[in-house]
């Protein structure tokens, strides 16, 4: 169990070590790398039936403005930035978002239209606390696809539907006592039956 499966972090190395020993691993190192890269996350999730918003991968603000109207949500893709995203309501904000998230235009960003309400929910083994069934369905589908036990999902809710926008790690400070209770129940459920994906 770990809240951080990023490349070169403890969770990743524990999974890598277990894979080398021939053990079944949750999550696999392939999934651990893929989920923290928004374009790969969104492409694989969509192929498995998870609703996603359209996106572009670019380092060009002009290209983003040519494809989407404001507001736009921008996620980093660079290998040194795993948390955070920015919402740009206008051209100036978009330039600032792309500059900061791309490390001064060294890396591309993943831009998506922001048409609904953007929610961030913690997911534990595909279960999340949300009043919206469609958000819970996205969390379940993401877990089925990637088997990331602990993560934070960014989901856009629009007209009674939910769309995956991004996935990030859950910081220890974000884990509440109620989350620990839910996590404990989930681990107990899986430890009795073995892992299922």
N, C-alpha and C. Protein backbone atom coordinates (compact mmCIF):
# COMPACT_ATOMS: atom_id res chain seq x y z
N UNK A 1 0.85 -1.18 0.00
CA UNK A 1 0.00 0.00 0.00
C UNK A 1 0.89 1.24 0.00
N UNK A 2 0.55 2.15 -0.88
CA UNK A 2 1.33 3.38 -0.98
C UNK A 2 0.43 4.42 -1.61
N UNK A 3 0.68 5.66 -1.31
CA UNK A 3 -0.11 6.73 -1.94
C UNK A 3 0.60 7.31 -3.15
N UNK A 4 1.84 6.86 -3.41
CA UNK A 4 2.65 7.47 -4.46
C UNK A 4 3.35 6.38 -5.27
N UNK A 5 2.88 6.16 -6.49
CA UNK A 5 3.43 5.12 -7.35
C UNK A 5 4.24 5.72 -8.49
N UNK A 6 4.61 6.99 -8.36
CA UNK A 6 5.35 7.66 -9.43
C UNK A 6 6.68 6.98 -9.69
N UNK A 7 7.15 7.14 -10.92
CA UNK A 7 8.45 6.61 -11.32
C UNK A 7 9.53 7.13 -10.39
N UNK A 8 10.39 6.24 -9.97
CA UNK A 8 11.52 6.54 -9.09
C UNK A 8 11.11 6.84 -7.65
N UNK A 9 9.89 6.51 -7.27
CA UNK A 9 9.45 6.68 -5.89
C UNK A 9 9.30 5.29 -5.25
N UNK A 10 9.15 5.24 -3.94
CA UNK A 10 9.12 3.97 -3.21
C UNK A 10 8.07 3.01 -3.74
N UNK A 11 6.85 3.48 -3.95
CA UNK A 11 5.79 2.59 -4.45
C UNK A 11 6.14 1.96 -5.78
N UNK A 12 6.75 2.74 -6.65
CA UNK A 12 7.17 2.22 -7.95
C UNK A 12 8.24 1.14 -7.78
N UNK A 13 9.25 1.41 -6.95
CA UNK A 13 10.34 0.45 -6.77
C UNK A 13 9.87 -0.83 -6.09
N UNK A 14 8.93 -0.73 -5.16
CA UNK A 14 8.39 -1.93 -4.52
C UNK A 14 7.67 -2.78 -5.57
N UNK A 15 6.88 -2.15 -6.43
CA UNK A 15 6.20 -2.89 -7.50
C UNK A 15 7.21 -3.49 -8.47
N UNK A 16 8.23 -2.73 -8.83
CA UNK A 16 9.25 -3.22 -9.75
C UNK A 16 9.98 -4.44 -9.17
N UNK A 17 10.34 -4.35 -7.90
CA UNK A 17 11.02 -5.46 -7.23
C UNK A 17 10.14 -6.71 -7.25
N UNK A 18 8.86 -6.56 -6.93
CA UNK A 18 7.94 -7.70 -6.92
C UNK A 18 7.77 -8.29 -8.32
N UNK A 19 7.70 -7.42 -9.33
CA UNK A 19 7.60 -7.92 -10.71
C UNK A 19 8.83 -8.73 -11.10
N UNK A 20 10.00 -8.26 -10.73
CA UNK A 20 11.24 -8.97 -11.04
C UNK A 20 11.25 -10.35 -10.38
N UNK A 21 10.69 -10.44 -9.19
CA UNK A 21 10.61 -11.72 -8.47
C UNK A 21 9.51 -12.63 -9.02
N UNK A 22 8.71 -12.12 -9.97
CA UNK A 22 7.66 -12.92 -10.58
C UNK A 22 6.33 -12.88 -9.85
N UNK A 23 6.18 -11.96 -8.92
CA UNK A 23 4.93 -11.85 -8.17
C UNK A 23 3.90 -11.04 -8.96
N UNK A 24 2.62 -11.30 -8.67
CA UNK A 24 1.56 -10.45 -9.21
C UNK A 24 1.61 -9.12 -8.47
N UNK A 25 1.53 -8.04 -9.21
CA UNK A 25 1.72 -6.72 -8.63
C UNK A 25 0.52 -5.83 -8.90
N UNK A 26 0.10 -5.12 -7.88
CA UNK A 26 -0.96 -4.12 -8.01
C UNK A 26 -0.45 -2.84 -7.38
N UNK A 27 -0.22 -1.79 -8.16
CA UNK A 27 -0.34 -1.71 -9.61
C UNK A 27 0.93 -2.22 -10.31
N UNK A 28 0.81 -2.54 -11.56
CA UNK A 28 1.99 -2.89 -12.34
C UNK A 28 2.81 -1.62 -12.55
N UNK A 29 4.09 -1.78 -12.83
CA UNK A 29 4.92 -0.60 -13.06
C UNK A 29 4.48 0.12 -14.34
N UNK A 30 3.99 -0.63 -15.32
CA UNK A 30 3.48 0.02 -16.54
C UNK A 30 2.32 0.95 -16.21
N UNK A 31 1.38 0.46 -15.41
CA UNK A 31 0.24 1.31 -15.02
C UNK A 31 0.70 2.48 -14.16
N UNK A 32 1.67 2.24 -13.28
CA UNK A 32 2.15 3.31 -12.41
C UNK A 32 2.75 4.45 -13.22
N UNK A 33 3.44 4.12 -14.29
CA UNK A 33 4.03 5.17 -15.14
C UNK A 33 2.94 5.84 -15.98
N UNK A 34 2.03 5.04 -16.54
CA UNK A 34 1.01 5.58 -17.46
C UNK A 34 0.03 6.54 -16.81
N UNK A 35 -0.38 6.28 -15.57
CA UNK A 35 -1.44 7.10 -14.97
C UNK A 35 -1.02 8.53 -14.68
N UNK A 36 0.27 8.76 -14.51
CA UNK A 36 0.73 10.10 -14.19
C UNK A 36 1.05 10.94 -15.43
N UNK A 37 0.78 10.41 -16.61
CA UNK A 37 0.93 11.14 -17.87
C UNK A 37 -0.46 11.31 -18.46
N UNK A 38 -1.07 12.49 -18.30
CA UNK A 38 -2.48 12.67 -18.68
C UNK A 38 -2.87 12.16 -20.07
N UNK A 39 -2.08 12.41 -21.13
CA UNK A 39 -2.53 11.90 -22.43
C UNK A 39 -2.61 10.37 -22.49
N UNK A 40 -1.67 9.69 -21.84
CA UNK A 40 -1.69 8.23 -21.81
C UNK A 40 -2.84 7.75 -20.94
N UNK A 41 -3.00 8.36 -19.78
CA UNK A 41 -4.12 8.04 -18.89
C UNK A 41 -5.45 8.16 -19.64
N UNK A 42 -5.67 9.29 -20.28
CA UNK A 42 -6.96 9.54 -20.94
C UNK A 42 -7.18 8.61 -22.13
N UNK A 43 -6.12 8.34 -22.89
CA UNK A 43 -6.26 7.45 -24.05
C UNK A 43 -6.58 6.03 -23.61
N UNK A 44 -5.84 5.51 -22.66
CA UNK A 44 -6.10 4.14 -22.19
C UNK A 44 -7.46 4.04 -21.50
N UNK A 45 -7.82 5.05 -20.70
CA UNK A 45 -9.11 5.02 -20.01
C UNK A 45 -10.26 5.04 -21.01
N UNK A 46 -10.16 5.89 -22.03
CA UNK A 46 -11.21 5.97 -23.05
C UNK A 46 -11.34 4.65 -23.81
N UNK A 47 -10.22 4.00 -24.10
CA UNK A 47 -10.27 2.71 -24.80
C UNK A 47 -10.96 1.64 -23.96
N UNK A 48 -10.95 1.82 -22.64
CA UNK A 48 -11.62 0.86 -21.76
C UNK A 48 -13.02 1.32 -21.36
N UNK A 49 -13.54 2.37 -22.01
CA UNK A 49 -14.92 2.78 -21.78
C UNK A 49 -15.14 3.87 -20.76
N UNK A 50 -14.08 4.47 -20.23
CA UNK A 50 -14.24 5.57 -19.29
C UNK A 50 -14.49 6.85 -20.07
N UNK A 51 -15.55 7.59 -19.75
CA UNK A 51 -15.78 8.86 -20.45
C UNK A 51 -14.66 9.86 -20.15
N UNK A 52 -14.14 10.50 -21.19
CA UNK A 52 -13.09 11.50 -21.05
C UNK A 52 -13.46 12.72 -21.89
N UNK A 53 -12.86 13.85 -21.57
CA UNK A 53 -13.02 15.05 -22.36
C UNK A 53 -12.01 15.02 -23.50
N UNK A 54 -12.29 15.73 -24.60
CA UNK A 54 -11.27 15.82 -25.65
C UNK A 54 -10.06 16.57 -25.09
N UNK A 55 -8.88 16.27 -25.62
CA UNK A 55 -7.68 16.94 -25.14
C UNK A 55 -6.69 17.08 -26.29
N UNK A 56 -5.74 17.99 -26.10
CA UNK A 56 -4.62 18.09 -27.02
C UNK A 56 -3.33 18.13 -26.20
N UNK A 57 -2.29 17.61 -26.80
CA UNK A 57 -0.96 17.61 -26.22
C UNK A 57 -0.13 18.57 -27.04
N UNK A 58 0.32 19.66 -26.42
CA UNK A 58 1.02 20.69 -27.16
C UNK A 58 1.84 21.56 -26.22
N UNK A 59 2.75 22.33 -26.81
CA UNK A 59 3.44 23.37 -26.05
C UNK A 59 3.07 24.74 -26.59
N UNK A 60 2.04 24.79 -27.44
CA UNK A 60 1.64 26.03 -28.10
C UNK A 60 0.32 26.57 -27.55
N UNK A 61 0.40 27.75 -26.96
CA UNK A 61 -0.81 28.41 -26.47
C UNK A 61 -1.75 28.72 -27.64
N UNK A 62 -1.18 29.14 -28.76
CA UNK A 62 -2.01 29.45 -29.93
C UNK A 62 -2.79 28.23 -30.40
N UNK A 63 -2.16 27.06 -30.36
CA UNK A 63 -2.87 25.85 -30.76
C UNK A 63 -4.02 25.54 -29.80
N UNK A 64 -3.79 25.72 -28.51
CA UNK A 64 -4.85 25.48 -27.52
C UNK A 64 -6.03 26.41 -27.80
N UNK A 65 -5.74 27.70 -28.04
CA UNK A 65 -6.82 28.67 -28.29
C UNK A 65 -7.52 28.40 -29.62
N UNK A 66 -6.83 27.81 -30.59
CA UNK A 66 -7.45 27.47 -31.87
C UNK A 66 -8.41 26.29 -31.75
N UNK A 67 -8.15 25.42 -30.77
CA UNK A 67 -8.96 24.21 -30.62
C UNK A 67 -10.08 24.38 -29.60
N UNK A 68 -9.81 25.04 -28.48
CA UNK A 68 -10.78 25.14 -27.39
C UNK A 68 -11.11 26.60 -27.07
N UNK A 69 -12.33 26.81 -26.60
CA UNK A 69 -12.70 28.13 -26.07
C UNK A 69 -12.46 28.12 -24.56
N UNK A 70 -12.40 29.30 -23.97
CA UNK A 70 -12.18 29.41 -22.53
C UNK A 70 -13.46 29.09 -21.78
N UNK A 71 -13.33 28.57 -20.57
CA UNK A 71 -12.12 28.23 -19.83
C UNK A 71 -11.52 26.90 -20.30
N UNK A 72 -10.23 26.75 -20.00
CA UNK A 72 -9.46 25.56 -20.37
C UNK A 72 -8.75 25.07 -19.12
N UNK A 73 -8.67 23.76 -18.95
CA UNK A 73 -7.89 23.19 -17.85
C UNK A 73 -6.62 22.60 -18.44
N UNK A 74 -5.49 22.89 -17.78
CA UNK A 74 -4.18 22.49 -18.30
C UNK A 74 -3.47 21.63 -17.24
N UNK A 75 -3.04 20.44 -17.67
CA UNK A 75 -2.30 19.52 -16.81
C UNK A 75 -0.86 19.42 -17.29
N UNK A 76 0.09 19.28 -16.36
CA UNK A 76 1.49 19.10 -16.77
C UNK A 76 1.71 17.70 -17.31
N UNK A 77 2.67 17.57 -18.20
CA UNK A 77 3.06 16.27 -18.73
C UNK A 77 4.54 16.01 -18.40
N UNK A 78 5.27 17.04 -18.05
CA UNK A 78 6.71 16.88 -17.83
C UNK A 78 6.99 15.92 -16.68
N UNK A 79 8.13 15.22 -16.74
CA UNK A 79 8.42 14.17 -15.76
C UNK A 79 8.79 14.67 -14.36
N UNK A 80 8.87 15.97 -14.18
CA UNK A 80 9.26 16.51 -12.88
C UNK A 80 8.10 17.15 -12.12
N UNK A 81 6.92 17.12 -12.70
CA UNK A 81 5.77 17.75 -12.08
C UNK A 81 4.60 16.78 -12.11
N UNK A 82 4.16 16.35 -10.93
CA UNK A 82 3.12 15.33 -10.87
C UNK A 82 1.81 15.85 -10.29
N UNK A 83 1.86 16.90 -9.56
CA UNK A 83 0.65 17.41 -8.93
C UNK A 83 0.32 18.77 -9.48
N UNK A 84 -0.95 19.04 -9.54
CA UNK A 84 -1.40 20.35 -9.93
C UNK A 84 -1.91 20.41 -11.35
N UNK A 85 -2.72 21.36 -11.54
CA UNK A 85 -3.26 21.73 -12.84
C UNK A 85 -3.68 23.17 -12.71
N UNK A 86 -3.93 23.80 -13.82
CA UNK A 86 -4.36 25.19 -13.77
C UNK A 86 -5.57 25.36 -14.68
N UNK A 87 -6.49 26.20 -14.24
CA UNK A 87 -7.64 26.57 -15.06
C UNK A 87 -7.38 27.97 -15.59
N UNK A 88 -7.47 28.09 -16.91
CA UNK A 88 -7.24 29.40 -17.55
C UNK A 88 -8.57 29.93 -18.07
N UNK A 89 -8.91 31.12 -17.59
CA UNK A 89 -10.18 31.76 -18.00
C UNK A 89 -10.00 32.70 -19.19
N UNK A 90 -8.74 33.06 -19.48
CA UNK A 90 -8.46 33.99 -20.57
C UNK A 90 -7.06 33.73 -21.13
N UNK A 91 -6.71 34.49 -22.15
CA UNK A 91 -5.44 34.30 -22.85
C UNK A 91 -4.23 34.49 -21.94
N UNK A 92 -4.24 35.54 -21.14
CA UNK A 92 -3.12 35.81 -20.25
C UNK A 92 -2.93 34.67 -19.25
N UNK A 93 -4.01 34.21 -18.67
CA UNK A 93 -3.94 33.10 -17.72
C UNK A 93 -3.45 31.83 -18.40
N UNK A 94 -3.84 31.61 -19.65
CA UNK A 94 -3.39 30.43 -20.38
C UNK A 94 -1.88 30.49 -20.63
N UNK A 95 -1.38 31.65 -21.04
CA UNK A 95 0.06 31.79 -21.24
C UNK A 95 0.82 31.49 -19.94
N UNK A 96 0.32 32.01 -18.83
CA UNK A 96 0.98 31.79 -17.54
C UNK A 96 0.91 30.32 -17.14
N UNK A 97 -0.24 29.67 -17.37
CA UNK A 97 -0.40 28.26 -17.01
C UNK A 97 0.54 27.38 -17.82
N UNK A 98 0.57 27.60 -19.13
CA UNK A 98 1.42 26.78 -19.99
C UNK A 98 2.90 27.01 -19.65
N UNK A 99 3.27 28.25 -19.41
CA UNK A 99 4.68 28.54 -19.09
C UNK A 99 5.10 27.83 -17.81
N UNK A 100 4.27 27.89 -16.77
CA UNK A 100 4.67 27.28 -15.50
C UNK A 100 4.59 25.76 -15.54
N UNK A 101 3.54 25.20 -16.15
CA UNK A 101 3.39 23.74 -16.15
C UNK A 101 4.30 23.04 -17.15
N UNK A 102 4.80 23.77 -18.13
CA UNK A 102 5.69 23.17 -19.13
C UNK A 102 7.16 23.43 -18.83
N UNK A 103 7.43 24.02 -17.67
CA UNK A 103 8.78 24.41 -17.28
C UNK A 103 9.39 25.31 -18.36
N UNK A 104 8.70 26.44 -18.58
CA UNK A 104 9.14 27.45 -19.53
C UNK A 104 9.21 26.91 -20.97
N UNK A 105 8.15 26.17 -21.33
CA UNK A 105 7.96 25.63 -22.68
C UNK A 105 8.94 24.51 -23.05
N UNK A 106 9.54 23.87 -22.07
CA UNK A 106 10.42 22.73 -22.35
C UNK A 106 9.63 21.46 -22.64
N UNK A 107 8.45 21.35 -22.03
CA UNK A 107 7.63 20.16 -22.17
C UNK A 107 6.24 20.55 -22.67
N UNK A 108 5.56 19.58 -23.21
CA UNK A 108 4.18 19.81 -23.64
C UNK A 108 3.27 19.82 -22.41
N UNK A 109 2.05 20.27 -22.61
CA UNK A 109 0.99 20.21 -21.60
C UNK A 109 -0.20 19.49 -22.22
N UNK A 110 -1.09 19.05 -21.38
CA UNK A 110 -2.33 18.41 -21.82
C UNK A 110 -3.47 19.38 -21.52
N UNK A 111 -4.09 19.91 -22.56
CA UNK A 111 -5.16 20.90 -22.39
C UNK A 111 -6.50 20.29 -22.75
N UNK A 112 -7.51 20.66 -21.95
CA UNK A 112 -8.87 20.16 -22.15
C UNK A 112 -9.85 21.30 -21.97
N UNK A 113 -11.00 21.24 -22.64
CA UNK A 113 -12.00 22.28 -22.39
C UNK A 113 -12.62 22.08 -21.01
N UNK A 114 -12.93 23.15 -20.34
CA UNK A 114 -13.61 23.07 -19.05
C UNK A 114 -15.06 23.50 -19.28
N UNK A 115 -15.93 22.54 -19.45
CA UNK A 115 -17.33 22.81 -19.78
C UNK A 115 -18.25 22.63 -18.59
N UNK A 116 -17.81 21.90 -17.59
CA UNK A 116 -18.64 21.63 -16.42
C UNK A 116 -17.92 21.99 -15.15
N UNK A 117 -18.32 21.33 -14.07
CA UNK A 117 -17.69 21.57 -12.77
C UNK A 117 -16.57 20.54 -12.59
N UNK A 118 -15.39 21.02 -12.23
CA UNK A 118 -14.23 20.14 -12.02
C UNK A 118 -14.18 19.72 -10.56
N UNK A 119 -14.26 18.42 -10.32
CA UNK A 119 -14.23 17.86 -8.98
C UNK A 119 -12.96 17.06 -8.79
N UNK A 120 -12.41 17.08 -7.59
CA UNK A 120 -11.28 16.22 -7.24
C UNK A 120 -11.76 15.29 -6.13
N UNK A 121 -11.64 13.99 -6.38
CA UNK A 121 -12.10 12.99 -5.40
C UNK A 121 -11.00 11.98 -5.14
N UNK A 122 -10.89 11.57 -3.89
CA UNK A 122 -9.93 10.52 -3.54
C UNK A 122 -10.58 9.18 -3.85
N UNK A 123 -9.79 8.30 -4.46
CA UNK A 123 -10.27 6.97 -4.83
C UNK A 123 -9.43 5.92 -4.12
N UNK A 124 -10.11 5.00 -3.44
CA UNK A 124 -9.45 3.89 -2.76
C UNK A 124 -9.99 2.60 -3.34
N UNK A 125 -9.15 1.91 -4.10
CA UNK A 125 -9.55 0.67 -4.77
C UNK A 125 -10.80 0.88 -5.62
N UNK A 126 -10.90 2.04 -6.26
CA UNK A 126 -12.02 2.32 -7.15
C UNK A 126 -13.27 2.81 -6.46
N UNK A 127 -13.21 3.04 -5.17
CA UNK A 127 -14.36 3.57 -4.45
C UNK A 127 -14.02 4.98 -3.97
N UNK A 128 -15.01 5.86 -4.11
CA UNK A 128 -14.80 7.24 -3.66
C UNK A 128 -16.06 7.73 -2.97
N UNK A 129 -15.88 8.74 -2.17
CA UNK A 129 -17.02 9.37 -1.50
C UNK A 129 -17.47 10.52 -2.38
N UNK A 130 -18.63 10.36 -2.98
CA UNK A 130 -19.20 11.40 -3.84
C UNK A 130 -20.71 11.25 -3.82
N UNK A 131 -21.37 12.38 -3.91
CA UNK A 131 -22.83 12.32 -3.97
C UNK A 131 -23.32 11.96 -5.37
N UNK A 132 -22.41 11.91 -6.34
CA UNK A 132 -22.79 11.67 -7.73
C UNK A 132 -22.41 10.26 -8.16
N UNK A 133 -23.40 9.48 -8.55
CA UNK A 133 -23.18 8.11 -9.00
C UNK A 133 -22.27 8.03 -10.21
N UNK A 134 -22.36 9.02 -11.10
CA UNK A 134 -21.54 8.99 -12.31
C UNK A 134 -20.06 9.20 -11.98
N UNK A 135 -19.76 9.96 -10.92
CA UNK A 135 -18.37 10.13 -10.49
C UNK A 135 -17.86 8.82 -9.89
N UNK A 136 -18.70 8.16 -9.10
CA UNK A 136 -18.33 6.86 -8.54
C UNK A 136 -18.07 5.84 -9.65
N UNK A 137 -18.86 5.90 -10.72
CA UNK A 137 -18.68 4.98 -11.84
C UNK A 137 -17.34 5.22 -12.54
N UNK A 138 -16.93 6.48 -12.66
CA UNK A 138 -15.63 6.79 -13.26
C UNK A 138 -14.51 6.24 -12.37
N UNK A 139 -14.61 6.43 -11.06
CA UNK A 139 -13.58 5.93 -10.15
C UNK A 139 -13.45 4.41 -10.26
N UNK A 140 -14.58 3.73 -10.34
CA UNK A 140 -14.57 2.27 -10.46
C UNK A 140 -13.92 1.85 -11.77
N UNK A 141 -14.27 2.52 -12.85
CA UNK A 141 -13.74 2.18 -14.17
C UNK A 141 -12.23 2.44 -14.24
N UNK A 142 -11.77 3.53 -13.63
CA UNK A 142 -10.34 3.83 -13.62
C UNK A 142 -9.59 2.75 -12.85
N UNK A 143 -10.15 2.30 -11.73
CA UNK A 143 -9.49 1.23 -10.98
C UNK A 143 -9.46 -0.06 -11.79
N UNK A 144 -10.55 -0.38 -12.46
CA UNK A 144 -10.58 -1.59 -13.29
C UNK A 144 -9.51 -1.54 -14.38
N UNK A 145 -9.25 -0.37 -14.91
CA UNK A 145 -8.29 -0.21 -16.00
C UNK A 145 -6.84 -0.21 -15.50
N UNK A 146 -6.57 0.51 -14.40
CA UNK A 146 -5.19 0.74 -13.98
C UNK A 146 -4.79 0.09 -12.66
N UNK A 147 -5.75 -0.31 -11.85
CA UNK A 147 -5.49 -0.94 -10.54
C UNK A 147 -4.60 -0.09 -9.64
N UNK A 148 -4.84 1.21 -9.61
CA UNK A 148 -4.11 2.09 -8.70
C UNK A 148 -4.93 2.15 -7.40
N UNK A 149 -4.42 1.56 -6.31
CA UNK A 149 -5.23 1.47 -5.09
C UNK A 149 -5.59 2.81 -4.46
N UNK A 150 -4.65 3.76 -4.44
CA UNK A 150 -4.89 5.05 -3.79
C UNK A 150 -4.50 6.15 -4.76
N UNK A 151 -5.47 7.02 -5.08
CA UNK A 151 -5.19 8.13 -5.99
C UNK A 151 -6.25 9.21 -5.85
N UNK A 152 -5.96 10.33 -6.46
CA UNK A 152 -6.92 11.43 -6.53
C UNK A 152 -7.31 11.59 -7.99
N UNK A 153 -8.60 11.56 -8.26
CA UNK A 153 -9.10 11.71 -9.62
C UNK A 153 -9.65 13.11 -9.81
N UNK A 154 -9.38 13.68 -10.97
CA UNK A 154 -9.98 14.95 -11.35
C UNK A 154 -11.02 14.61 -12.42
N UNK A 155 -12.26 14.93 -12.08
CA UNK A 155 -13.39 14.54 -12.91
C UNK A 155 -14.22 15.78 -13.22
N UNK A 156 -14.61 15.92 -14.46
CA UNK A 156 -15.46 17.03 -14.86
C UNK A 156 -16.90 16.52 -14.94
N UNK A 157 -17.79 17.21 -14.27
CA UNK A 157 -19.20 16.81 -14.25
C UNK A 157 -20.00 17.81 -15.08
N UNK A 158 -20.74 17.27 -16.05
CA UNK A 158 -21.48 18.11 -16.98
C UNK A 158 -22.77 17.41 -17.38
N UNK A 159 -23.90 18.07 -17.16
CA UNK A 159 -25.21 17.54 -17.56
C UNK A 159 -25.46 16.12 -17.07
N UNK A 160 -25.15 15.87 -15.81
CA UNK A 160 -25.41 14.56 -15.22
C UNK A 160 -24.44 13.48 -15.65
N UNK A 161 -23.36 13.84 -16.32
CA UNK A 161 -22.35 12.87 -16.73
C UNK A 161 -21.01 13.28 -16.14
N UNK A 162 -20.12 12.31 -16.00
CA UNK A 162 -18.79 12.57 -15.44
C UNK A 162 -17.74 12.15 -16.44
N UNK A 163 -16.68 12.96 -16.55
CA UNK A 163 -15.60 12.73 -17.51
C UNK A 163 -14.27 12.80 -16.78
N UNK A 164 -13.45 11.78 -16.95
CA UNK A 164 -12.12 11.78 -16.36
C UNK A 164 -11.26 12.85 -17.03
N UNK A 165 -10.57 13.63 -16.20
CA UNK A 165 -9.65 14.66 -16.72
C UNK A 165 -8.21 14.40 -16.32
N UNK A 166 -7.98 13.81 -15.15
CA UNK A 166 -6.62 13.58 -14.70
C UNK A 166 -6.58 12.74 -13.45
N UNK A 167 -5.38 12.30 -13.09
CA UNK A 167 -5.15 11.49 -11.90
C UNK A 167 -3.86 11.96 -11.26
N UNK A 168 -3.88 12.10 -9.96
CA UNK A 168 -2.69 12.51 -9.24
C UNK A 168 -2.61 11.75 -7.93
N UNK A 169 -1.44 11.85 -7.28
CA UNK A 169 -1.28 11.15 -6.01
C UNK A 169 -2.06 11.88 -4.92
N UNK A 170 -2.37 11.14 -3.88
CA UNK A 170 -3.00 11.72 -2.70
C UNK A 170 -1.90 12.02 -1.71
N UNK A 171 -1.77 13.27 -1.32
CA UNK A 171 -0.78 13.66 -0.33
C UNK A 171 -1.20 13.12 1.04
N UNK A 172 -0.24 12.77 1.89
CA UNK A 172 -0.58 12.24 3.22
C UNK A 172 -1.46 13.20 3.99
N UNK A 173 -1.23 14.51 3.87
CA UNK A 173 -2.03 15.49 4.58
C UNK A 173 -3.48 15.54 4.14
N UNK A 174 -3.77 14.97 2.97
CA UNK A 174 -5.15 14.96 2.46
C UNK A 174 -5.95 13.77 2.97
N UNK A 175 -5.28 12.79 3.56
CA UNK A 175 -5.97 11.59 4.04
C UNK A 175 -6.58 11.87 5.40
N UNK A 176 -7.89 11.76 5.46
CA UNK A 176 -8.66 12.04 6.67
C UNK A 176 -8.94 10.73 7.43
N UNK A 177 -9.33 10.80 8.70
CA UNK A 177 -9.68 9.58 9.45
C UNK A 177 -10.75 8.74 8.75
N UNK A 178 -11.73 9.38 8.14
CA UNK A 178 -12.76 8.62 7.43
C UNK A 178 -12.17 7.89 6.22
N UNK A 179 -11.14 8.46 5.60
CA UNK A 179 -10.46 7.79 4.48
C UNK A 179 -9.73 6.55 4.98
N UNK A 180 -9.11 6.65 6.16
CA UNK A 180 -8.39 5.51 6.72
C UNK A 180 -9.38 4.38 7.01
N UNK A 181 -10.57 4.72 7.51
CA UNK A 181 -11.59 3.70 7.77
C UNK A 181 -11.99 3.00 6.48
N UNK A 182 -12.25 3.78 5.42
CA UNK A 182 -12.64 3.21 4.13
C UNK A 182 -11.50 2.36 3.58
N UNK A 183 -10.29 2.85 3.65
CA UNK A 183 -9.13 2.12 3.16
C UNK A 183 -8.94 0.81 3.92
N UNK A 184 -9.13 0.85 5.23
CA UNK A 184 -9.00 -0.35 6.06
C UNK A 184 -10.03 -1.40 5.66
N UNK A 185 -11.25 -0.97 5.42
CA UNK A 185 -12.31 -1.91 4.98
C UNK A 185 -11.97 -2.52 3.63
N UNK A 186 -11.45 -1.70 2.73
CA UNK A 186 -11.11 -2.19 1.39
C UNK A 186 -9.96 -3.20 1.47
N UNK A 187 -8.94 -2.91 2.26
CA UNK A 187 -7.81 -3.83 2.40
C UNK A 187 -8.28 -5.14 3.02
N UNK A 188 -9.15 -5.05 4.02
CA UNK A 188 -9.69 -6.27 4.65
C UNK A 188 -10.46 -7.10 3.64
N UNK A 189 -11.24 -6.45 2.81
CA UNK A 189 -12.03 -7.15 1.80
C UNK A 189 -11.10 -7.87 0.82
N UNK A 190 -10.07 -7.18 0.36
CA UNK A 190 -9.15 -7.79 -0.61
C UNK A 190 -8.26 -8.84 0.00
N UNK A 191 -7.84 -8.65 1.26
CA UNK A 191 -6.93 -9.61 1.86
C UNK A 191 -7.63 -10.94 2.12
N UNK A 192 -8.93 -10.92 2.29
CA UNK A 192 -9.68 -12.15 2.47
C UNK A 192 -9.87 -12.93 1.19
N UNK A 193 -9.95 -12.25 0.06
CA UNK A 193 -10.23 -12.89 -1.21
C UNK A 193 -9.05 -12.90 -2.16
N UNK A 194 -8.03 -12.12 -1.88
CA UNK A 194 -6.95 -11.94 -2.83
C UNK A 194 -7.29 -10.76 -3.71
N UNK A 195 -6.32 -10.32 -4.46
CA UNK A 195 -6.51 -9.14 -5.31
C UNK A 195 -7.35 -9.47 -6.51
N UNK A 196 -8.16 -8.51 -6.90
CA UNK A 196 -8.91 -8.67 -8.15
C UNK A 196 -8.77 -7.39 -8.93
N UNK A 197 -8.73 -7.48 -10.21
CA UNK A 197 -8.56 -6.28 -11.02
C UNK A 197 -9.60 -6.22 -12.00
